[in-house]
Protein backbone atom coordinates (compact mmCIF):
# COMPACT_ATOMS: atom_id res chain seq x y z
CA MET A 1 -2.10 -10.60 5.37
CA SER A 2 0.22 -7.67 5.81
CA PHE A 3 1.68 -5.57 3.03
CA LYS A 4 4.43 -3.00 2.75
CA VAL A 5 4.36 0.56 1.43
CA GLY A 6 7.47 2.65 0.78
CA LEU A 7 7.49 6.44 1.25
CA VAL A 8 9.76 8.34 -1.14
CA GLY A 9 10.26 12.00 -1.96
CA LEU A 10 12.64 14.92 -1.86
CA PRO A 11 13.98 16.15 1.50
CA ASN A 12 11.74 18.40 3.60
CA VAL A 13 8.48 17.45 1.90
CA GLY A 14 6.94 16.09 5.11
CA LYS A 15 7.68 12.37 4.69
CA SER A 16 8.88 11.86 8.25
CA THR A 17 6.05 13.98 9.68
CA LEU A 18 3.59 11.87 7.72
CA PHE A 19 5.31 8.66 8.84
CA ARG A 20 5.15 9.75 12.47
CA ALA A 21 1.46 10.60 12.16
CA ILE A 22 0.67 7.27 10.53
CA THR A 23 2.66 5.02 12.85
CA LYS A 24 2.60 7.21 15.99
CA LYS A 25 6.33 6.56 16.31
CA GLN A 26 8.74 9.27 17.35
CA VAL A 27 11.09 9.93 14.46
CA VAL A 28 13.52 12.75 13.81
CA VAL A 29 11.79 15.65 12.05
CA GLU A 30 14.10 18.59 11.47
CA ASN A 31 14.41 21.49 9.05
CA TYR A 32 17.43 20.30 7.15
CA PRO A 33 17.90 17.82 4.33
CA PHE A 34 18.74 14.18 5.07
CA CYS A 35 17.78 14.18 8.77
CA THR A 36 16.46 10.68 7.97
CA ILE A 37 19.34 8.38 7.01
CA ASP A 38 18.47 4.93 8.30
CA PRO A 39 15.02 3.86 7.10
CA ASN A 40 12.14 4.30 9.54
CA VAL A 41 9.88 1.25 9.63
CA GLY A 42 6.51 1.05 11.36
CA THR A 43 3.55 -1.33 11.32
CA VAL A 44 0.02 -0.08 11.90
CA MET A 45 -3.41 -1.63 12.13
CA VAL A 46 -5.63 -0.90 9.16
CA PRO A 47 -8.53 1.24 10.45
CA ASP A 48 -11.86 -0.41 9.66
CA GLN A 49 -15.11 0.70 11.29
CA ARG A 50 -16.81 -2.46 10.02
CA LEU A 51 -14.68 -4.49 12.42
CA GLU A 52 -15.98 -2.62 15.47
CA ALA A 53 -19.59 -2.88 14.30
CA LEU A 54 -19.27 -6.65 13.89
CA ALA A 55 -17.57 -7.02 17.27
CA LYS A 56 -20.66 -5.56 18.96
CA ILE A 57 -22.78 -8.29 17.40
CA SER A 58 -20.39 -11.14 18.16
CA GLY A 59 -19.75 -9.99 21.72
CA SER A 60 -16.09 -10.90 21.32
CA LYS A 61 -13.68 -9.01 23.53
CA LYS A 62 -10.88 -8.92 21.00
CA THR A 63 -10.75 -7.37 17.52
CA ILE A 64 -7.87 -8.08 15.17
CA GLY A 65 -7.43 -6.01 12.04
CA THR A 66 -5.06 -6.47 9.15
CA THR A 67 -1.78 -4.58 9.19
CA ILE A 68 0.28 -2.44 6.87
CA GLU A 69 3.99 -1.70 7.14
CA PHE A 70 5.39 1.69 6.13
CA VAL A 71 9.04 2.25 5.23
CA ASP A 72 10.30 5.86 5.20
CA ILE A 73 13.66 6.30 3.47
CA ALA A 74 16.06 9.22 3.17
CA GLY A 75 15.08 12.02 0.79
CA LEU A 76 16.23 11.95 -2.81
CA VAL A 77 17.53 14.95 -4.69
CA LYS A 78 17.96 15.77 -8.35
CA GLU A 79 20.77 13.65 -9.84
CA ALA A 80 20.92 11.40 -6.79
CA HIS A 81 21.99 8.63 -9.20
CA LYS A 82 25.15 10.66 -9.82
CA GLY A 83 25.89 10.78 -6.11
CA LYS A 84 24.22 14.08 -5.29
CA GLY A 85 22.90 14.37 -1.74
CA LEU A 86 23.04 10.91 -0.20
CA GLY A 87 22.78 9.23 -3.59
CA ASN A 88 20.10 6.73 -4.52
CA LYS A 89 21.41 3.74 -2.55
CA PHE A 90 18.54 4.09 -0.07
CA LEU A 91 16.09 3.01 -2.75
CA SER A 92 17.29 -0.54 -2.06
CA HIS A 93 15.35 -0.35 1.22
CA ILE A 94 12.04 -0.25 -0.65
CA ARG A 95 12.74 -2.85 -3.34
CA GLY A 96 10.63 -5.34 -1.41
CA VAL A 97 7.56 -3.14 -0.83
CA ASP A 98 4.22 -3.83 -2.50
CA ALA A 99 3.44 -0.20 -3.38
CA VAL A 100 5.22 3.15 -3.46
CA VAL A 101 3.83 6.41 -2.09
CA GLN A 102 5.55 9.46 -3.49
CA VAL A 103 5.19 12.36 -1.05
CA LEU A 104 5.16 15.75 -2.82
CA ARG A 105 5.43 19.13 -1.16
CA GLY A 106 2.47 21.40 -1.73
CA PHE A 107 2.87 23.71 1.26
CA GLU A 108 4.66 27.03 1.62
CA ASP A 109 6.78 27.59 4.73
CA LYS A 110 9.66 30.06 4.83
CA ASP A 111 11.04 28.27 7.88
CA VAL A 112 11.33 24.94 6.05
CA SER A 113 13.85 25.01 3.23
CA HIS A 114 13.25 23.38 -0.13
CA VAL A 115 16.23 21.81 -1.90
CA GLU A 116 14.98 23.06 -5.27
CA GLY A 117 14.15 26.58 -4.05
CA GLU A 118 10.54 27.25 -4.96
CA VAL A 119 7.69 24.87 -4.15
CA ASP A 120 6.62 23.06 -7.32
CA TRP A 121 5.18 19.60 -6.72
CA GLU A 122 4.90 18.72 -10.42
CA ARG A 123 8.63 19.41 -10.91
CA ASP A 124 9.43 17.38 -7.79
CA LYS A 125 7.35 14.47 -9.09
CA LYS A 126 9.38 14.38 -12.32
CA ILE A 127 12.65 14.43 -10.35
CA VAL A 128 11.66 11.48 -8.16
CA ASP A 129 10.12 9.56 -11.06
CA LEU A 130 13.40 9.90 -12.96
CA GLU A 131 15.44 8.66 -9.99
CA LEU A 132 13.23 5.57 -9.72
CA ILE A 133 13.57 4.96 -13.46
CA ILE A 134 17.36 5.25 -13.33
CA ALA A 135 17.54 2.97 -10.28
CA ASP A 136 15.62 0.34 -12.28
CA LEU A 137 17.87 0.90 -15.28
CA GLU A 138 20.96 0.26 -13.16
CA MET A 139 19.36 -2.94 -11.87
CA VAL A 140 18.38 -4.14 -15.36
CA GLU A 141 21.90 -3.54 -16.67
CA LYS A 142 23.36 -5.73 -13.91
CA ILE A 143 20.84 -8.50 -14.56
CA THR A 144 21.27 -8.47 -18.36
CA GLU A 145 25.05 -8.54 -17.97
CA LYS A 146 24.71 -11.74 -15.95
CA LEU A 147 22.13 -13.26 -18.33
CA SER A 148 24.33 -12.50 -21.32
CA ARG A 149 26.88 -14.93 -19.89
CA GLU A 150 24.28 -17.55 -18.95
CA VAL A 151 22.48 -17.50 -22.33
CA LYS A 152 25.48 -19.15 -23.98
CA SER A 153 24.24 -22.44 -22.50
CA GLY A 154 21.44 -22.34 -25.08
CA ASP A 155 18.55 -22.34 -22.57
CA LYS A 156 15.47 -20.94 -24.34
CA LYS A 157 13.89 -19.52 -21.17
CA THR A 158 17.09 -17.62 -20.33
CA LYS A 159 17.15 -16.25 -23.88
CA LEU A 160 13.54 -15.04 -23.60
CA LYS A 161 14.25 -13.44 -20.23
CA LEU A 162 17.29 -11.66 -21.64
CA ASP A 163 15.35 -10.45 -24.69
CA THR A 164 12.52 -9.22 -22.45
CA LEU A 165 14.85 -7.32 -20.14
CA GLU A 166 16.68 -5.81 -23.12
CA LYS A 167 13.28 -4.48 -24.22
CA VAL A 168 12.73 -3.12 -20.70
CA LYS A 169 16.18 -1.52 -20.73
CA GLU A 170 15.48 0.43 -23.92
CA PHE A 171 12.18 1.62 -22.48
CA LEU A 172 13.88 2.85 -19.30
CA LYS A 173 16.52 4.65 -21.35
CA GLU A 174 13.66 6.66 -22.84
CA GLU A 175 12.78 7.65 -19.22
CA LYS A 176 9.57 5.61 -19.23
CA LYS A 177 8.27 3.39 -16.42
CA ILE A 178 8.22 -0.38 -16.66
CA LYS A 179 4.52 -0.54 -15.73
CA ASP A 180 3.74 1.29 -19.00
CA ILE A 181 5.46 -1.27 -21.26
CA GLU A 182 3.18 -3.55 -23.29
CA LEU A 183 4.37 -7.07 -22.59
CA GLU A 184 3.09 -10.55 -23.37
CA LYS A 185 1.85 -12.55 -20.38
CA GLU A 186 5.00 -14.69 -20.18
CA GLU A 187 7.22 -11.63 -20.53
CA ARG A 188 5.37 -9.80 -17.75
CA GLU A 189 5.66 -12.79 -15.46
CA MET A 190 9.41 -12.79 -16.03
CA VAL A 191 9.69 -9.08 -15.30
CA GLU A 192 7.61 -9.48 -12.14
CA GLU A 193 10.26 -11.83 -10.74
CA PHE A 194 12.30 -8.73 -9.96
CA ASP A 195 11.55 -5.91 -7.52
CA PHE A 196 11.53 -3.11 -10.07
CA LEU A 197 10.39 0.16 -8.52
CA THR A 198 8.60 1.53 -11.58
CA LEU A 199 6.58 -1.68 -11.90
CA LYS A 200 4.99 -1.21 -8.48
CA PRO A 201 1.64 0.56 -8.00
CA THR A 202 2.39 4.20 -7.19
CA ILE A 203 0.30 6.71 -5.25
CA TYR A 204 1.12 10.42 -5.36
CA LEU A 205 0.44 12.15 -2.05
CA LYS A 206 0.46 15.94 -2.10
CA ASN A 207 1.29 17.29 1.36
CA THR A 208 -0.61 20.55 1.40
CA ASP A 209 -1.65 23.25 3.85
CA LYS A 210 -4.63 24.16 1.68
CA GLU A 211 -8.16 22.78 1.71
CA LYS A 212 -8.76 19.71 -0.41
CA THR A 213 -9.67 20.30 -4.03
CA LYS A 214 -11.26 17.97 -6.54
CA GLU A 215 -7.87 17.19 -8.10
CA GLU A 216 -7.71 13.72 -6.50
CA THR A 217 -7.76 10.68 -8.78
CA ASP A 218 -7.41 6.94 -8.21
CA ASN A 219 -3.67 7.25 -7.58
CA THR A 220 -3.45 10.74 -6.06
CA LEU A 221 -4.57 12.27 -2.79
CA GLN A 222 -4.06 15.42 -0.75
CA VAL A 223 -3.12 15.29 2.92
CA ASN A 224 -2.13 17.90 5.48
CA ALA A 225 0.63 15.97 7.28
CA LYS A 226 0.86 18.59 10.02
CA ILE A 227 -2.83 18.16 10.93
CA GLU A 228 -2.50 14.37 10.71
CA ASP A 229 0.44 14.56 13.11
CA GLU A 230 -1.67 16.52 15.60
CA VAL A 231 -4.61 14.13 15.18
CA ALA A 232 -2.36 11.16 16.01
CA GLU A 233 -2.18 12.37 19.62
CA LEU A 234 -5.97 12.42 20.08
CA SER A 235 -8.56 9.78 20.94
CA PRO A 236 -10.67 8.48 17.99
CA ASP A 237 -13.67 10.65 18.98
CA GLU A 238 -11.51 13.74 19.50
CA ALA A 239 -9.74 13.08 16.20
CA ARG A 240 -13.03 12.95 14.28
CA GLU A 241 -14.17 16.25 15.79
CA TYR A 242 -10.81 17.89 15.15
CA LEU A 243 -10.78 16.81 11.51
CA LYS A 244 -14.35 18.03 11.04
CA SER A 245 -13.28 21.48 12.26
CA PHE A 246 -11.04 21.62 9.16
CA GLY A 247 -13.74 20.25 6.89
CA ILE A 248 -12.00 16.86 6.64
CA GLU A 249 -14.35 13.87 6.70
CA GLU A 250 -11.76 11.08 6.54
CA SER A 251 -8.28 10.96 8.05
CA GLY A 252 -5.32 11.01 5.71
CA LEU A 253 -4.28 7.58 6.97
CA SER A 254 -7.66 6.05 6.14
CA THR A 255 -7.66 7.64 2.69
CA LEU A 256 -4.09 6.51 2.02
CA ILE A 257 -4.74 2.92 3.06
CA ARG A 258 -7.96 2.79 1.04
CA LYS A 259 -6.05 3.94 -2.05
CA CYS A 260 -3.29 1.40 -1.34
CA TYR A 261 -5.93 -1.35 -1.22
CA GLU A 262 -7.38 -0.14 -4.50
CA ALA A 263 -3.98 0.09 -6.17
CA LEU A 264 -3.06 -3.42 -5.04
CA SER A 265 -6.55 -4.85 -5.80
CA LEU A 266 -7.05 -5.97 -2.20
CA ILE A 267 -10.29 -6.53 -0.29
CA SER A 268 -11.20 -7.51 3.28
CA PHE A 269 -13.49 -10.21 4.65
CA PHE A 270 -14.37 -10.96 8.26
CA THR A 271 -14.69 -13.89 10.65
CA PHE A 272 -15.87 -13.92 14.24
CA ASN A 273 -16.60 -16.10 17.24
CA ASP A 274 -17.13 -15.40 20.92
CA LYS A 275 -13.39 -14.83 21.41
CA GLU A 276 -12.40 -12.55 18.52
CA THR A 277 -13.66 -10.64 15.52
CA ARG A 278 -11.06 -10.48 12.78
CA ALA A 279 -10.43 -8.86 9.40
CA TRP A 280 -8.51 -10.68 6.67
CA THR A 281 -7.11 -9.39 3.41
CA VAL A 282 -7.08 -11.20 0.06
CA GLU A 283 -6.61 -10.16 -3.54
CA ARG A 284 -9.75 -9.13 -5.37
CA ASP A 285 -11.38 -11.99 -7.32
CA SER A 286 -10.00 -14.61 -4.92
CA ASP A 287 -12.19 -17.68 -4.42
CA VAL A 288 -13.38 -18.83 -1.03
CA LEU A 289 -10.68 -21.53 -0.81
CA VAL A 290 -8.02 -18.81 -0.90
CA ALA A 291 -9.88 -17.02 1.91
CA ALA A 292 -10.13 -20.25 3.88
CA GLY A 293 -6.39 -20.77 3.54
CA LYS A 294 -5.75 -17.33 4.98
CA VAL A 295 -7.57 -18.32 8.16
CA HIS A 296 -6.02 -21.80 8.43
CA SER A 297 -4.62 -24.34 5.98
CA ASP A 298 -6.96 -26.97 7.47
CA PHE A 299 -9.94 -24.80 6.50
CA ARG A 300 -8.77 -24.88 2.88
CA ASP A 301 -7.84 -28.56 2.82
CA ASN A 302 -11.00 -29.78 4.58
CA PHE A 303 -13.46 -27.27 3.14
CA ILE A 304 -17.11 -28.32 2.86
CA ARG A 305 -18.90 -25.02 2.29
CA ALA A 306 -18.99 -21.41 3.48
CA GLU A 307 -21.84 -19.50 5.08
CA VAL A 308 -21.69 -15.91 3.85
CA ILE A 309 -23.46 -12.64 4.59
CA PHE A 310 -22.58 -9.05 3.73
CA TRP A 311 -21.40 -7.22 6.85
CA ARG A 312 -23.96 -4.40 6.60
CA ASP A 313 -26.85 -6.86 6.34
CA LEU A 314 -25.62 -8.63 9.46
CA VAL A 315 -25.23 -5.36 11.37
CA ASP A 316 -28.74 -4.25 10.35
CA LEU A 317 -30.25 -7.54 11.55
CA GLY A 318 -28.09 -7.49 14.66
CA ASP A 319 -27.73 -11.23 15.15
CA TRP A 320 -26.37 -14.26 13.25
CA THR A 321 -29.28 -16.50 14.23
CA LYS A 322 -31.82 -13.91 13.10
CA ALA A 323 -29.93 -13.45 9.85
CA ARG A 324 -30.14 -17.21 9.26
CA GLU A 325 -33.89 -17.21 10.01
CA GLU A 326 -34.37 -14.32 7.57
CA GLY A 327 -32.57 -16.29 4.88
CA GLU A 328 -29.79 -13.70 4.56
CA ILE A 329 -26.98 -16.15 5.20
CA LYS A 330 -26.11 -17.96 1.97
CA ASP A 331 -24.33 -21.29 1.49
CA LYS A 332 -21.44 -20.99 -0.95
CA GLY A 333 -19.27 -23.63 -2.57
CA LYS A 334 -15.55 -23.64 -3.34
CA ASP A 335 -16.01 -21.61 -6.55
CA TYR A 336 -17.54 -18.63 -4.74
CA ILE A 337 -15.64 -15.36 -5.33
CA VAL A 338 -15.16 -13.48 -2.07
CA GLN A 339 -16.56 -9.93 -1.99
CA ASP A 340 -15.27 -6.99 0.02
CA GLY A 341 -17.15 -6.89 3.32
CA ASP A 342 -18.19 -10.55 3.38
CA VAL A 343 -18.60 -12.16 6.80
CA ILE A 344 -17.72 -15.84 6.38
CA PHE A 345 -18.20 -18.91 8.54
CA PHE A 346 -16.28 -21.91 7.18
CA LYS A 347 -17.75 -25.40 7.44
CA VAL A 348 -14.99 -28.02 7.40
CA ASN A 349 -14.48 -31.75 7.93
CA LYS A 350 -13.06 -32.34 11.39
């Protein structure tokens, strides 16, 4: 399972530097607004140390992790919806993403201009939030205009959808995000049919040149994009040592992906054989049949049972056979809810 994350922010906040560090792709990074016009897109493997630990036990030569796709679009400016800067048309490039990361400038640099003058990440956050809200409002207005014509047919579902989106429209006009609207289950399902930006999980990433503080919350983090860019050129061991020299225990990429997983309620489970050790991603609270279907549709359709062990327990014991002898491998039926870090062997009818 792969998922997409869109990077948004004002110009010169470090989005492209961050994108380059994450994806290790060479992108244009210059000290002038709008040096990124066409969206940059890059896919990276999700870093997971559990995968390597399990590969040592399995003896498989190949490890396959899950992937994440990042989309970096042109910078927004205040009143982009009125055509300022490059306008807000580039937001269409991230309509299809699963989550949005808003990159905010928290660093001072006289050689890198700021479109709003002084550095103020809270002000910048409000500017970008408003542009996302207005982009959704424009989209809602187009949809409701179309539904207003269709509702004349008397279809009750169309009428409910129109009424729901009219409610959403009024909320957006008050400069509030769709995710904050209280909706009935059926109404929310209707709204989720559309790729509204302010309905998506959002993570606020403060690009700072200062040491980390305790300001981070579930949907915020602090990253030094410049350091991450330098780390991207190093080997894993060198990168860890380099980050430690700055008092950083976890790379910005790892922290960002972890928060994306949390925001999207995703977890990982693992499978292995003598050929490959592999990580898979499912939504939290998925049952084992969903997990089986991720591996292969035949595993889901011909499922008998699953043999399950927590990855750390397997690593500590060092061997699948020993784990079975110790009684650590448990048989689970189709109603079993997969847990993050499960190692699963599927038993199926052949």
